[in-house]
Amino acid sequence: MLVPMDLVALTRQLVDIESITGNEGPVGDFLGSQLTQLGFTAEKLVVESVRHNIFAASPQQPLPNVVFSTHMDTVPPFIPSSEDATRIYGRGACDAKGIIAAQVAAALRLREQGIHVGMLFLVGEERDSLGAKLANRQPRGSKFLINGEPTDNRLALASKGSLRVTITARGKMAHSAYPELGESAIDKLLHALQGLRQMKLPSDPEIGRCTMNIGVIDGGRAPNVVSDHARAQLLFRLVAPSQKLREDIVNTVGRLAEVDFTLDIPCVRLRSLDKFPTMVAAFTTDIPALSNWGEPLLLGPGSIHLAHTEGEYVEKKQLDDAVEQYCTIAERLEGESTGSSNSKR
């Protein structure tokens, strides 16, 4: 006898398992066990010895045309779950453990209708999409991938990319009473950052403008020492291919500092469906790393403005609505797949 599923309970159970990036093993084990009890085959796709992706599907069925996907990892700190009449709180409530629960519930409902979808739950999205990159080497022949991120249940027309940059300045130490004897790395870094702040960034009429965030600055030895090293870590949200922007960054920094590009995830444009509200996601997802899993769509319950915050939550109604929307989208896409298959016969 299969175990019935409670959408709110499963969300809270997932939230209550700490799964900060790098420590997704326990939540993957729990999720695999739950999916097995619900009558799916749940396969562990090893990423590292301590963590793994999960791929689940209906047993004794053809490989699915449609796959639901999202990530199991969260950002720190761990915040256990709580709830009130309308909301579920805790780390991952909307990003993305509530989404996992909604996708499982949708897969169960679709199975009752004779529509069999797959589910791909990934590690590492919050850091480097390592789980997605490895999963892309093991596709299952799906034609469509419905990725879940907090979009307030609106289909995303596009998702911005990410370009991470490290700027490292080097100088010469000296006693701060005699600055002329040294060479301040911090001064160089400040000049470089000021130039980057004044640089014109790309924009797109549909996706919006590229943005830059100076997220981390560190350097120096002590207030009375001219600094010999300084570093800044920046993140650009991409709306176009990065090559021209990379060239502009290098030219703007010039000889003031060294430039190192540590991550480059492209912007992606996505399809829409009639009668679905739309948005543009200013954040990055696993989608660019999952090209072998089919044509992507992006939708999920919850607000991205609440993700990564101290008070993260998801509305219970949005979870229920997401189940309906995932089912509707999967039904449409399954219809497209069947129609396409028939037309080739």
C-alpha atoms as a PDB file:
ATOM      1  CA  MET A   1       0.000   0.000   0.000  1.00  0.00           C
ATOM      2  CA  LEU A   2       1.373   3.397  -1.038  1.00  0.00           C
ATOM      3  CA  VAL A   3       1.820   6.142   1.536  1.00  0.00           C
ATOM      4  CA  PRO A   4      -0.492   9.167   0.908  1.00  0.00           C
ATOM      5  CA  MET A   5       1.187  12.529   0.537  1.00  0.00           C
ATOM      6  CA  ASP A   6       0.496  15.734   2.488  1.00  0.00           C
ATOM      7  CA  LEU A   7       1.835  18.783   0.607  1.00  0.00           C
ATOM      8  CA  VAL A   8       2.407  20.935   3.696  1.00  0.00           C
ATOM      9  CA  ALA A   9       3.848  18.087   5.741  1.00  0.00           C
ATOM     10  CA  LEU A  10       6.319  17.103   3.007  1.00  0.00           C
ATOM     11  CA  THR A  11       7.428  20.725   2.608  1.00  0.00           C
ATOM     12  CA  ARG A  12       8.104  21.006   6.338  1.00  0.00           C
ATOM     13  CA  GLN A  13       9.888  17.654   6.468  1.00  0.00           C
ATOM     14  CA  LEU A  14      12.209  18.777   3.679  1.00  0.00           C
ATOM     15  CA  VAL A  15      12.847  22.171   5.283  1.00  0.00           C
ATOM     16  CA  ASP A  16      13.706  20.492   8.587  1.00  0.00           C
ATOM     17  CA  ILE A  17      16.586  18.583   6.985  1.00  0.00           C
ATOM     18  CA  GLU A  18      19.588  20.903   6.813  1.00  0.00           C
ATOM     19  CA  SER A  19      20.926  20.797   3.250  1.00  0.00           C
ATOM     20  CA  ILE A  20      23.231  23.779   2.846  1.00  0.00           C
ATOM     21  CA  THR A  21      25.199  23.316  -0.373  1.00  0.00           C
ATOM     22  CA  GLY A  22      27.694  20.491   0.097  1.00  0.00           C
ATOM     23  CA  ASN A  23      25.547  18.725   2.703  1.00  0.00           C
ATOM     24  CA  GLU A  24      22.635  17.493   0.580  1.00  0.00           C
ATOM     25  CA  GLY A  25      23.183  13.801   1.317  1.00  0.00           C
ATOM     26  CA  PRO A  26      20.566  13.426   4.087  1.00  0.00           C
ATOM     27  CA  VAL A  27      17.812  15.283   2.221  1.00  0.00           C
ATOM     28  CA  GLY A  28      18.541  13.232  -0.899  1.00  0.00           C
ATOM     29  CA  ASP A  29      18.260  10.007   1.099  1.00  0.00           C
ATOM     30  CA  PHE A  30      14.977  11.158   2.644  1.00  0.00           C
ATOM     31  CA  LEU A  31      13.528  12.243  -0.681  1.00  0.00           C
ATOM     32  CA  GLY A  32      14.539   9.019  -2.400  1.00  0.00           C
ATOM     33  CA  SER A  33      12.849   7.010   0.350  1.00  0.00           C
ATOM     34  CA  GLN A  34       9.667   9.078   0.169  1.00  0.00           C
ATOM     35  CA  LEU A  35       9.439   8.773  -3.607  1.00  0.00           C
ATOM     36  CA  THR A  36       9.884   5.005  -3.369  1.00  0.00           C
ATOM     37  CA  GLN A  37       7.066   4.786  -0.809  1.00  0.00           C
ATOM     38  CA  LEU A  38       4.892   6.810  -3.185  1.00  0.00           C
ATOM     39  CA  GLY A  39       5.401   4.192  -5.891  1.00  0.00           C
ATOM     40  CA  PHE A  40       8.121   5.770  -8.018  1.00  0.00           C
ATOM     41  CA  THR A  41      11.495   4.305  -8.866  1.00  0.00           C
ATOM     42  CA  ALA A  42      14.059   6.621  -7.293  1.00  0.00           C
ATOM     43  CA  GLU A  43      17.611   6.465  -8.597  1.00  0.00           C
ATOM     44  CA  LYS A  44      20.600   8.061  -6.914  1.00  0.00           C
ATOM     45  CA  LEU A  45      22.928   9.796  -9.378  1.00  0.00           C
ATOM     46  CA  VAL A  46      26.200  10.166  -7.487  1.00  0.00           C
ATOM     47  CA  VAL A  47      27.772  13.634  -7.575  1.00  0.00           C
ATOM     48  CA  GLU A  48      30.266  13.174  -4.755  1.00  0.00           C
ATOM     49  CA  SER A  49      30.637  10.486  -2.104  1.00  0.00           C
ATOM     50  CA  VAL A  50      28.469  12.434   0.345  1.00  0.00           C
ATOM     51  CA  ARG A  51      25.737  13.725  -1.959  1.00  0.00           C
ATOM     52  CA  HIS A  52      23.738  12.727  -5.004  1.00  0.00           C
ATOM     53  CA  ASN A  53      21.022  13.849  -7.406  1.00  0.00           C
ATOM     54  CA  ILE A  54      17.701  11.983  -7.460  1.00  0.00           C
ATOM     55  CA  PHE A  55      15.920  10.904 -10.632  1.00  0.00           C
ATOM     56  CA  ALA A  56      12.452   9.406 -10.168  1.00  0.00           C
ATOM     57  CA  ALA A  57       9.908   8.027 -12.608  1.00  0.00           C
ATOM     58  CA  SER A  58       6.955   5.654 -12.780  1.00  0.00           C
ATOM     59  CA  PRO A  59       8.086   2.011 -12.880  1.00  0.00           C
ATOM     60  CA  GLN A  60       7.483  -0.105 -15.997  1.00  0.00           C
ATOM     61  CA  GLN A  61       6.685   2.990 -18.081  1.00  0.00           C
ATOM     62  CA  PRO A  62       8.453   4.461 -21.116  1.00  0.00           C
ATOM     63  CA  LEU A  63      11.006   7.181 -20.468  1.00  0.00           C
ATOM     64  CA  PRO A  64       9.063  10.386 -19.722  1.00  0.00           C
ATOM     65  CA  ASN A  65       8.615  13.193 -22.231  1.00  0.00           C
ATOM     66  CA  VAL A  66       8.286  15.746 -19.418  1.00  0.00           C
ATOM     67  CA  VAL A  67      10.571  16.084 -16.402  1.00  0.00           C
ATOM     68  CA  PHE A  68      10.037  18.291 -13.349  1.00  0.00           C
ATOM     69  CA  SER A  69      13.237  19.580 -11.800  1.00  0.00           C
ATOM     70  CA  THR A  70      14.534  21.816  -9.014  1.00  0.00           C
ATOM     71  CA  HIS A  71      17.311  21.801  -6.411  1.00  0.00           C
ATOM     72  CA  MET A  72      17.638  20.314  -2.941  1.00  0.00           C
ATOM     73  CA  ASP A  73      20.376  22.585  -1.582  1.00  0.00           C
ATOM     74  CA  THR A  74      19.881  25.840   0.307  1.00  0.00           C
ATOM     75  CA  VAL A  75      21.946  28.845   1.307  1.00  0.00           C
ATOM     76  CA  PRO A  76      23.011  29.259   4.959  1.00  0.00           C
ATOM     77  CA  PRO A  77      21.975  29.585   7.689  1.00  0.00           C
ATOM     78  CA  PHE A  78      19.730  26.634   8.447  1.00  0.00           C
ATOM     79  CA  ILE A  79      16.298  27.786   9.666  1.00  0.00           C
ATOM     80  CA  PRO A  80      13.859  25.042  10.800  1.00  0.00           C
ATOM     81  CA  SER A  81      10.265  25.061   9.648  1.00  0.00           C
ATOM     82  CA  SER A  82       7.207  26.585  11.242  1.00  0.00           C
ATOM     83  CA  GLU A  83       3.772  27.442   9.943  1.00  0.00           C
ATOM     84  CA  ASP A  84       0.653  29.455  10.522  1.00  0.00           C
ATOM     85  CA  ALA A  85      -2.738  29.300   8.855  1.00  0.00           C
ATOM     86  CA  THR A  86      -1.485  30.561   5.493  1.00  0.00           C
ATOM     87  CA  ARG A  87       2.303  30.216   5.327  1.00  0.00           C
ATOM     88  CA  ILE A  88       5.187  27.781   5.780  1.00  0.00           C
ATOM     89  CA  TYR A  89       8.398  29.370   7.069  1.00  0.00           C
ATOM     90  CA  GLY A  90      12.007  28.208   7.097  1.00  0.00           C
ATOM     91  CA  ARG A  91      15.116  27.953   4.964  1.00  0.00           C
ATOM     92  CA  GLY A  92      14.137  26.510   1.616  1.00  0.00           C
ATOM     93  CA  ALA A  93      10.392  27.037   2.108  1.00  0.00           C
ATOM     94  CA  CYS A  94      10.218  28.742  -1.292  1.00  0.00           C
ATOM     95  CA  ASP A  95      13.756  28.083  -2.566  1.00  0.00           C
ATOM     96  CA  ALA A  96      13.161  25.316  -3.317  1.00  0.00           C
ATOM     97  CA  LYS A  97      11.765  22.664  -0.962  1.00  0.00           C
ATOM     98  CA  GLY A  98       8.164  23.794  -1.280  1.00  0.00           C
ATOM     99  CA  ILE A  99       8.708  23.476  -5.034  1.00  0.00           C
ATOM    100  CA  ILE A 100       9.954  19.896  -4.611  1.00  0.00           C
ATOM    101  CA  ALA A 101       6.781  19.029  -2.692  1.00  0.00           C
ATOM    102  CA  ALA A 102       4.548  20.692  -5.300  1.00  0.00           C
ATOM    103  CA  GLN A 103       6.284  18.837  -8.123  1.00  0.00           C
ATOM    104  CA  VAL A 104       5.923  15.490  -6.341  1.00  0.00           C
ATOM    105  CA  ALA A 105       2.225  16.190  -5.716  1.00  0.00           C
ATOM    106  CA  ALA A 106       1.748  17.126  -9.380  1.00  0.00           C
ATOM    107  CA  ALA A 107       3.515  13.957 -10.527  1.00  0.00           C
ATOM    108  CA  LEU A 108       1.181  11.890  -8.342  1.00  0.00           C
ATOM    109  CA  ARG A 109      -1.919  13.604  -9.718  1.00  0.00           C
ATOM    110  CA  LEU A 110      -0.709  13.208 -13.304  1.00  0.00           C
ATOM    111  CA  ARG A 111       0.016   9.524 -12.715  1.00  0.00           C
ATOM    112  CA  GLU A 112      -3.617   9.025 -11.704  1.00  0.00           C
ATOM    113  CA  GLN A 113      -4.559  10.501 -15.095  1.00  0.00           C
ATOM    114  CA  GLY A 114      -2.226   8.155 -16.935  1.00  0.00           C
ATOM    115  CA  ILE A 115       0.440  10.793 -17.595  1.00  0.00           C
ATOM    116  CA  HIS A 116       3.877   9.754 -16.366  1.00  0.00           C
ATOM    117  CA  VAL A 117       6.452  12.482 -15.774  1.00  0.00           C
ATOM    118  CA  GLY A 118       9.963  12.264 -14.435  1.00  0.00           C
ATOM    119  CA  MET A 119      11.459  14.178 -11.505  1.00  0.00           C
ATOM    120  CA  LEU A 120      15.052  15.360 -11.285  1.00  0.00           C
ATOM    121  CA  PHE A 121      16.166  16.840  -7.968  1.00  0.00           C
ATOM    122  CA  LEU A 122      19.638  18.333  -7.935  1.00  0.00           C
ATOM    123  CA  VAL A 123      22.459  19.350  -5.622  1.00  0.00           C
ATOM    124  CA  GLY A 124      24.692  22.395  -5.848  1.00  0.00           C
ATOM    125  CA  GLU A 125      22.448  24.944  -7.570  1.00  0.00           C
ATOM    126  CA  GLU A 126      23.202  27.657  -5.036  1.00  0.00           C
ATOM    127  CA  ARG A 127      26.949  27.458  -5.673  1.00  0.00           C
ATOM    128  CA  ASP A 128      28.052  26.116  -9.044  1.00  0.00           C
ATOM    129  CA  SER A 129      25.267  23.917 -10.511  1.00  0.00           C
ATOM    130  CA  LEU A 130      27.547  20.896 -10.153  1.00  0.00           C
ATOM    131  CA  GLY A 131      24.600  18.520  -9.806  1.00  0.00           C
ATOM    132  CA  ALA A 132      23.028  19.862 -12.999  1.00  0.00           C
ATOM    133  CA  LYS A 133      26.301  19.660 -14.927  1.00  0.00           C
ATOM    134  CA  LEU A 134      26.741  16.005 -14.011  1.00  0.00           C
ATOM    135  CA  ALA A 135      23.058  15.214 -14.652  1.00  0.00           C
ATOM    136  CA  ASN A 136      23.463  16.671 -18.137  1.00  0.00           C
ATOM    137  CA  ARG A 137      25.790  13.759 -18.910  1.00  0.00           C
ATOM    138  CA  GLN A 138      22.987  11.323 -18.033  1.00  0.00           C
ATOM    139  CA  PRO A 139      19.866  12.516 -19.907  1.00  0.00           C
ATOM    140  CA  ARG A 140      16.791  10.297 -20.101  1.00  0.00           C
ATOM    141  CA  GLY A 141      15.429  11.345 -23.477  1.00  0.00           C
ATOM    142  CA  SER A 142      12.901  13.883 -22.164  1.00  0.00           C
ATOM    143  CA  LYS A 143      11.594  16.533 -24.554  1.00  0.00           C
ATOM    144  CA  PHE A 144      10.673  19.148 -21.943  1.00  0.00           C
ATOM    145  CA  LEU A 145      12.162  20.232 -18.621  1.00  0.00           C
ATOM    146  CA  ILE A 146       9.955  22.196 -16.220  1.00  0.00           C
ATOM    147  CA  ASN A 147      12.391  23.821 -13.812  1.00  0.00           C
ATOM    148  CA  GLY A 148      11.142  25.145 -10.485  1.00  0.00           C
ATOM    149  CA  GLU A 149      12.299  28.402  -8.917  1.00  0.00           C
ATOM    150  CA  PRO A 150      10.284  31.057  -7.046  1.00  0.00           C
ATOM    151  CA  THR A 151       8.493  33.013  -9.798  1.00  0.00           C
ATOM    152  CA  ASP A 152       5.165  33.645  -7.997  1.00  0.00           C
ATOM    153  CA  ASN A 153       3.724  30.924 -10.255  1.00  0.00           C
ATOM    154  CA  ARG A 154       4.425  32.945 -13.389  1.00  0.00           C
ATOM    155  CA  LEU A 155       6.169  31.488 -16.432  1.00  0.00           C
ATOM    156  CA  ALA A 156       9.542  33.123 -16.975  1.00  0.00           C
ATOM    157  CA  LEU A 157      10.187  34.527 -20.442  1.00  0.00           C
ATOM    158  CA  ALA A 158      13.910  34.644 -19.687  1.00  0.00           C
ATOM    159  CA  SER A 159      16.428  34.104 -16.922  1.00  0.00           C
ATOM    160  CA  LYS A 160      19.447  36.364 -16.550  1.00  0.00           C
ATOM    161  CA  GLY A 161      22.908  34.856 -16.524  1.00  0.00           C
ATOM    162  CA  SER A 162      25.733  35.373 -14.035  1.00  0.00           C
ATOM    163  CA  LEU A 163      29.321  36.495 -14.447  1.00  0.00           C
ATOM    164  CA  ARG A 164      31.440  36.304 -11.308  1.00  0.00           C
ATOM    165  CA  VAL A 165      34.629  38.332 -11.288  1.00  0.00           C
ATOM    166  CA  THR A 166      37.515  38.587  -8.837  1.00  0.00           C
ATOM    167  CA  ILE A 167      39.642  41.759  -8.971  1.00  0.00           C
ATOM    168  CA  THR A 168      43.023  41.446  -7.221  1.00  0.00           C
ATOM    169  CA  ALA A 169      45.306  44.429  -6.660  1.00  0.00           C
ATOM    170  CA  ARG A 170      48.894  44.174  -5.454  1.00  0.00           C
ATOM    171  CA  GLY A 171      51.085  46.821  -3.815  1.00  0.00           C
ATOM    172  CA  LYS A 172      54.058  47.362  -1.540  1.00  0.00           C
ATOM    173  CA  MET A 173      53.943  47.568   2.250  1.00  0.00           C
ATOM    174  CA  ALA A 174      55.281  50.616   4.071  1.00  0.00           C
ATOM    175  CA  HIS A 175      54.793  52.495   7.318  1.00  0.00           C
ATOM    176  CA  SER A 176      51.641  54.579   6.934  1.00  0.00           C
ATOM    177  CA  ALA A 177      53.524  57.657   8.181  1.00  0.00           C
ATOM    178  CA  TYR A 178      55.579  57.454   4.981  1.00  0.00           C
ATOM    179  CA  PRO A 179      53.101  56.434   2.282  1.00  0.00           C
ATOM    180  CA  GLU A 180      55.461  57.591  -0.449  1.00  0.00           C
ATOM    181  CA  LEU A 181      57.673  54.590   0.380  1.00  0.00           C
ATOM    182  CA  GLY A 182      54.881  52.114  -0.344  1.00  0.00           C
ATOM    183  CA  GLU A 183      52.282  51.377  -2.980  1.00  0.00           C
ATOM    184  CA  SER A 184      48.702  50.956  -1.775  1.00  0.00           C
ATOM    185  CA  ALA A 185      46.867  47.982  -3.226  1.00  0.00           C
ATOM    186  CA  ILE A 186      43.658  49.290  -1.699  1.00  0.00           C
ATOM    187  CA  ASP A 187      43.983  52.584  -3.566  1.00  0.00           C
ATOM    188  CA  LYS A 188      44.459  50.676  -6.811  1.00  0.00           C
ATOM    189  CA  LEU A 189      41.435  48.507  -6.106  1.00  0.00           C
ATOM    190  CA  LEU A 190      39.263  51.517  -5.295  1.00  0.00           C
ATOM    191  CA  HIS A 191      40.255  53.203  -8.570  1.00  0.00           C
ATOM    192  CA  ALA A 192      39.471  50.014 -10.483  1.00  0.00           C
ATOM    193  CA  LEU A 193      36.088  49.613  -8.807  1.00  0.00           C
ATOM    194  CA  GLN A 194      35.187  53.231  -9.424  1.00  0.00           C
ATOM    195  CA  GLY A 195      35.900  52.723 -13.101  1.00  0.00           C
ATOM    196  CA  LEU A 196      33.712  49.636 -13.187  1.00  0.00           C
ATOM    197  CA  ARG A 197      30.882  51.456 -11.420  1.00  0.00           C
ATOM    198  CA  GLN A 198      30.944  54.139 -14.129  1.00  0.00           C
ATOM    199  CA  MET A 199      31.069  51.635 -16.985  1.00  0.00           C
ATOM    200  CA  LYS A 200      28.006  51.455 -19.236  1.00  0.00           C
ATOM    201  CA  LEU A 201      26.411  48.025 -18.904  1.00  0.00           C
ATOM    202  CA  PRO A 202      24.399  46.179 -21.578  1.00  0.00           C
ATOM    203  CA  SER A 203      20.608  46.216 -21.669  1.00  0.00           C
ATOM    204  CA  ASP A 204      17.899  44.303 -23.509  1.00  0.00           C
ATOM    205  CA  PRO A 205      14.407  45.626 -24.306  1.00  0.00           C
ATOM    206  CA  GLU A 206      12.728  42.413 -23.121  1.00  0.00           C
ATOM    207  CA  ILE A 207      15.022  41.145 -20.367  1.00  0.00           C
ATOM    208  CA  GLY A 208      16.106  44.463 -18.843  1.00  0.00           C
ATOM    209  CA  ARG A 209      19.533  45.785 -17.925  1.00  0.00           C
ATOM    210  CA  CYS A 210      22.690  44.107 -16.782  1.00  0.00           C
ATOM    211  CA  THR A 211      23.504  44.888 -13.151  1.00  0.00           C
ATOM    212  CA  MET A 212      26.690  44.766 -11.095  1.00  0.00           C
ATOM    213  CA  ASN A 213      27.081  44.005  -7.403  1.00  0.00           C
ATOM    214  CA  ILE A 214      30.316  44.449  -5.453  1.00  0.00           C
ATOM    215  CA  GLY A 215      29.701  41.678  -2.959  1.00  0.00           C
ATOM    216  CA  VAL A 216      33.000  41.260  -1.088  1.00  0.00           C
ATOM    217  CA  ILE A 217      36.003  43.519  -0.449  1.00  0.00           C
ATOM    218  CA  ASP A 218      39.007  42.505   1.625  1.00  0.00           C
ATOM    219  CA  GLY A 219      42.662  43.447   1.955  1.00  0.00           C
ATOM    220  CA  GLY A 220      45.308  45.266   3.897  1.00  0.00           C
ATOM    221  CA  ARG A 221      47.282  44.415   7.055  1.00  0.00           C
ATOM    222  CA  ALA A 222      46.550  47.098   9.631  1.00  0.00           C
ATOM    223  CA  PRO A 223      45.498  50.769   9.762  1.00  0.00           C
ATOM    224  CA  ASN A 224      49.118  51.861  10.124  1.00  0.00           C
ATOM    225  CA  VAL A 225      50.418  49.781   7.193  1.00  0.00           C
ATOM    226  CA  VAL A 226      50.223  50.687   3.509  1.00  0.00           C
ATOM    227  CA  SER A 227      48.404  47.704   2.004  1.00  0.00           C
ATOM    228  CA  ASP A 228      50.196  45.251  -0.253  1.00  0.00           C
ATOM    229  CA  HIS A 229      47.104  43.311  -1.299  1.00  0.00           C
ATOM    230  CA  ALA A 230      43.380  43.930  -1.832  1.00  0.00           C
ATOM    231  CA  ARG A 231      40.626  41.951  -3.499  1.00  0.00           C
ATOM    232  CA  ALA A 232      36.998  42.401  -4.534  1.00  0.00           C
ATOM    233  CA  GLN A 233      34.440  39.857  -5.708  1.00  0.00           C
ATOM    234  CA  LEU A 234      31.766  41.081  -8.116  1.00  0.00           C
ATOM    235  CA  LEU A 235      28.686  39.594  -9.738  1.00  0.00           C
ATOM    236  CA  PHE A 236      27.176  40.798 -13.007  1.00  0.00           C
ATOM    237  CA  ARG A 237      23.653  39.692 -13.975  1.00  0.00           C
ATOM    238  CA  LEU A 238      23.865  39.051 -17.713  1.00  0.00           C
ATOM    239  CA  VAL A 239      21.272  39.958 -20.337  1.00  0.00           C
ATOM    240  CA  ALA A 240      23.465  39.126 -23.347  1.00  0.00           C
ATOM    241  CA  PRO A 241      26.538  37.005 -24.199  1.00  0.00           C
ATOM    242  CA  SER A 242      29.387  37.921 -21.884  1.00  0.00           C
ATOM    243  CA  GLN A 243      32.319  38.317 -24.298  1.00  0.00           C
ATOM    244  CA  LYS A 244      31.983  42.078 -24.889  1.00  0.00           C
ATOM    245  CA  LEU A 245      31.389  42.731 -21.183  1.00  0.00           C
ATOM    246  CA  ARG A 246      34.458  40.687 -20.242  1.00  0.00           C
ATOM    247  CA  GLU A 247      36.570  42.746 -22.625  1.00  0.00           C
ATOM    248  CA  ASP A 248      35.184  45.990 -21.192  1.00  0.00           C
ATOM    249  CA  ILE A 249      35.961  44.862 -17.634  1.00  0.00           C
ATOM    250  CA  VAL A 250      39.564  43.979 -18.496  1.00  0.00           C
ATOM    251  CA  ASN A 251      40.089  47.257 -20.370  1.00  0.00           C
ATOM    252  CA  THR A 252      38.542  49.328 -17.566  1.00  0.00           C
ATOM    253  CA  VAL A 253      40.666  47.727 -14.850  1.00  0.00           C
ATOM    254  CA  GLY A 254      43.768  47.992 -17.012  1.00  0.00           C
ATOM    255  CA  ARG A 255      47.051  47.699 -15.105  1.00  0.00           C
ATOM    256  CA  LEU A 256      45.492  48.574 -11.755  1.00  0.00           C
ATOM    257  CA  ALA A 257      44.689  44.958 -10.892  1.00  0.00           C
ATOM    258  CA  GLU A 258      44.322  41.401 -12.120  1.00  0.00           C
ATOM    259  CA  VAL A 259      40.955  40.198 -13.417  1.00  0.00           C
ATOM    260  CA  ASP A 260      39.795  36.603 -12.953  1.00  0.00           C
ATOM    261  CA  PHE A 261      36.463  35.345 -14.309  1.00  0.00           C
ATOM    262  CA  THR A 262      35.377  32.555 -11.969  1.00  0.00           C
ATOM    263  CA  LEU A 263      31.862  31.717 -13.246  1.00  0.00           C
ATOM    264  CA  ASP A 264      30.024  32.452 -16.481  1.00  0.00           C
ATOM    265  CA  ILE A 265      26.405  31.272 -16.827  1.00  0.00           C
ATOM    266  CA  PRO A 266      24.607  32.550 -19.936  1.00  0.00           C
ATOM    267  CA  CYS A 267      21.289  34.351 -20.060  1.00  0.00           C
ATOM    268  CA  VAL A 268      18.523  32.141 -21.489  1.00  0.00           C
ATOM    269  CA  ARG A 269      15.276  32.988 -23.252  1.00  0.00           C
ATOM    270  CA  LEU A 270      12.357  30.684 -22.507  1.00  0.00           C
ATOM    271  CA  ARG A 271       9.040  29.763 -24.066  1.00  0.00           C
ATOM    272  CA  SER A 272       5.661  30.922 -22.819  1.00  0.00           C
ATOM    273  CA  LEU A 273       2.237  29.273 -22.930  1.00  0.00           C
ATOM    274  CA  ASP A 274      -1.111  30.861 -23.680  1.00  0.00           C
ATOM    275  CA  LYS A 275      -3.106  32.106 -20.670  1.00  0.00           C
ATOM    276  CA  PHE A 276      -0.147  31.885 -18.263  1.00  0.00           C
ATOM    277  CA  PRO A 277       1.088  35.084 -16.586  1.00  0.00           C
ATOM    278  CA  THR A 278       4.748  35.809 -17.309  1.00  0.00           C
ATOM    279  CA  MET A 279       7.804  37.448 -15.762  1.00  0.00           C
ATOM    280  CA  VAL A 280      11.549  37.842 -16.339  1.00  0.00           C
ATOM    281  CA  ALA A 281      13.796  36.145 -13.791  1.00  0.00           C
ATOM    282  CA  ALA A 282      16.660  38.435 -12.783  1.00  0.00           C
ATOM    283  CA  PHE A 283      18.334  35.447 -11.138  1.00  0.00           C
ATOM    284  CA  THR A 284      20.218  32.432 -12.494  1.00  0.00           C
ATOM    285  CA  THR A 285      18.985  28.829 -12.520  1.00  0.00           C
ATOM    286  CA  ASP A 286      20.245  25.331 -13.357  1.00  0.00           C
ATOM    287  CA  ILE A 287      18.607  25.563 -16.798  1.00  0.00           C
ATOM    288  CA  PRO A 288      21.751  26.494 -18.795  1.00  0.00           C
ATOM    289  CA  ALA A 289      23.478  23.382 -17.422  1.00  0.00           C
ATOM    290  CA  LEU A 290      20.603  21.022 -18.360  1.00  0.00           C
ATOM    291  CA  SER A 291      20.507  21.436 -22.140  1.00  0.00           C
ATOM    292  CA  ASN A 292      20.271  17.672 -22.745  1.00  0.00           C
ATOM    293  CA  TRP A 293      17.048  17.312 -20.756  1.00  0.00           C
ATOM    294  CA  GLY A 294      14.728  19.006 -23.243  1.00  0.00           C
ATOM    295  CA  GLU A 295      13.237  22.404 -23.971  1.00  0.00           C
ATOM    296  CA  PRO A 296      13.136  24.338 -20.674  1.00  0.00           C
ATOM    297  CA  LEU A 297      10.312  26.168 -18.936  1.00  0.00           C
ATOM    298  CA  LEU A 298      10.607  27.973 -15.597  1.00  0.00           C
ATOM    299  CA  LEU A 299       7.861  28.347 -12.984  1.00  0.00           C
ATOM    300  CA  GLY A 300       7.427  27.886  -9.256  1.00  0.00           C
ATOM    301  CA  PRO A 301       5.546  29.049  -6.145  1.00  0.00           C
ATOM    302  CA  GLY A 302       6.959  31.671  -3.807  1.00  0.00           C
ATOM    303  CA  SER A 303       8.680  35.015  -4.253  1.00  0.00           C
ATOM    304  CA  ILE A 304      12.360  35.328  -5.083  1.00  0.00           C
ATOM    305  CA  HIS A 305      12.338  38.441  -2.878  1.00  0.00           C
ATOM    306  CA  LEU A 306      11.832  36.134   0.131  1.00  0.00           C
ATOM    307  CA  ALA A 307      14.448  33.573  -0.860  1.00  0.00           C
ATOM    308  CA  HIS A 308      17.781  33.803   1.026  1.00  0.00           C
ATOM    309  CA  THR A 309      16.168  36.002   3.693  1.00  0.00           C
ATOM    310  CA  GLU A 310      15.758  35.538   7.441  1.00  0.00           C
ATOM    311  CA  GLY A 311      11.993  35.391   7.086  1.00  0.00           C
ATOM    312  CA  GLU A 312      11.743  33.082   4.046  1.00  0.00           C
ATOM    313  CA  TYR A 313       8.272  31.599   3.562  1.00  0.00           C
ATOM    314  CA  VAL A 314       5.874  30.252   0.967  1.00  0.00           C
ATOM    315  CA  GLU A 315       2.119  30.734   0.861  1.00  0.00           C
ATOM    316  CA  LYS A 316       0.208  27.469   1.219  1.00  0.00           C
ATOM    317  CA  LYS A 317      -2.225  28.599  -1.469  1.00  0.00           C
ATOM    318  CA  GLN A 318       0.668  29.185  -3.865  1.00  0.00           C
ATOM    319  CA  LEU A 319       1.814  25.613  -3.277  1.00  0.00           C
ATOM    320  CA  ASP A 320      -1.672  24.330  -4.116  1.00  0.00           C
ATOM    321  CA  ASP A 321      -1.835  26.579  -7.185  1.00  0.00           C
ATOM    322  CA  ALA A 322       1.596  25.378  -8.311  1.00  0.00           C
ATOM    323  CA  VAL A 323       0.398  21.765  -8.291  1.00  0.00           C
ATOM    324  CA  GLU A 324      -2.452  22.761 -10.608  1.00  0.00           C
ATOM    325  CA  GLN A 325      -0.139  24.723 -12.897  1.00  0.00           C
ATOM    326  CA  TYR A 326       2.491  21.996 -13.109  1.00  0.00           C
ATOM    327  CA  CYS A 327      -0.240  19.539 -14.051  1.00  0.00           C
ATOM    328  CA  THR A 328      -1.698  21.877 -16.679  1.00  0.00           C
ATOM    329  CA  ILE A 329       1.694  22.565 -18.240  1.00  0.00           C
ATOM    330  CA  ALA A 330       2.664  18.887 -18.258  1.00  0.00           C
ATOM    331  CA  GLU A 331      -0.646  17.940 -19.879  1.00  0.00           C
ATOM    332  CA  ARG A 332      -0.106  20.505 -22.643  1.00  0.00           C
ATOM    333  CA  LEU A 333       3.476  19.466 -23.256  1.00  0.00           C
ATOM    334  CA  GLU A 334       2.576  15.780 -23.223  1.00  0.00           C
ATOM    335  CA  GLY A 335      -0.045  16.592 -25.832  1.00  0.00           C
ATOM    336  CA  GLU A 336       2.580  18.335 -27.945  1.00  0.00           C
ATOM    337  CA  SER A 337       4.920  15.362 -27.596  1.00  0.00           C
ATOM    338  CA  THR A 338       2.226  12.863 -28.566  1.00  0.00           C
ATOM    339  CA  GLY A 339       1.114  14.980 -31.490  1.00  0.00           C
ATOM    340  CA  SER A 340       4.688  15.336 -32.686  1.00  0.00           C
ATOM    341  CA  SER A 341       5.274  11.592 -32.385  1.00  0.00           C
ATOM    342  CA  ASN A 342       2.085  10.797 -34.288  1.00  0.00           C
ATOM    343  CA  SER A 343       2.948  13.252 -37.053  1.00  0.00           C
ATOM    344  CA  LYS A 344       6.222  11.423 -37.693  1.00  0.00           C
ATOM    345  CA  ARG A 345       4.570   8.054 -38.086  1.00  0.00           C
END
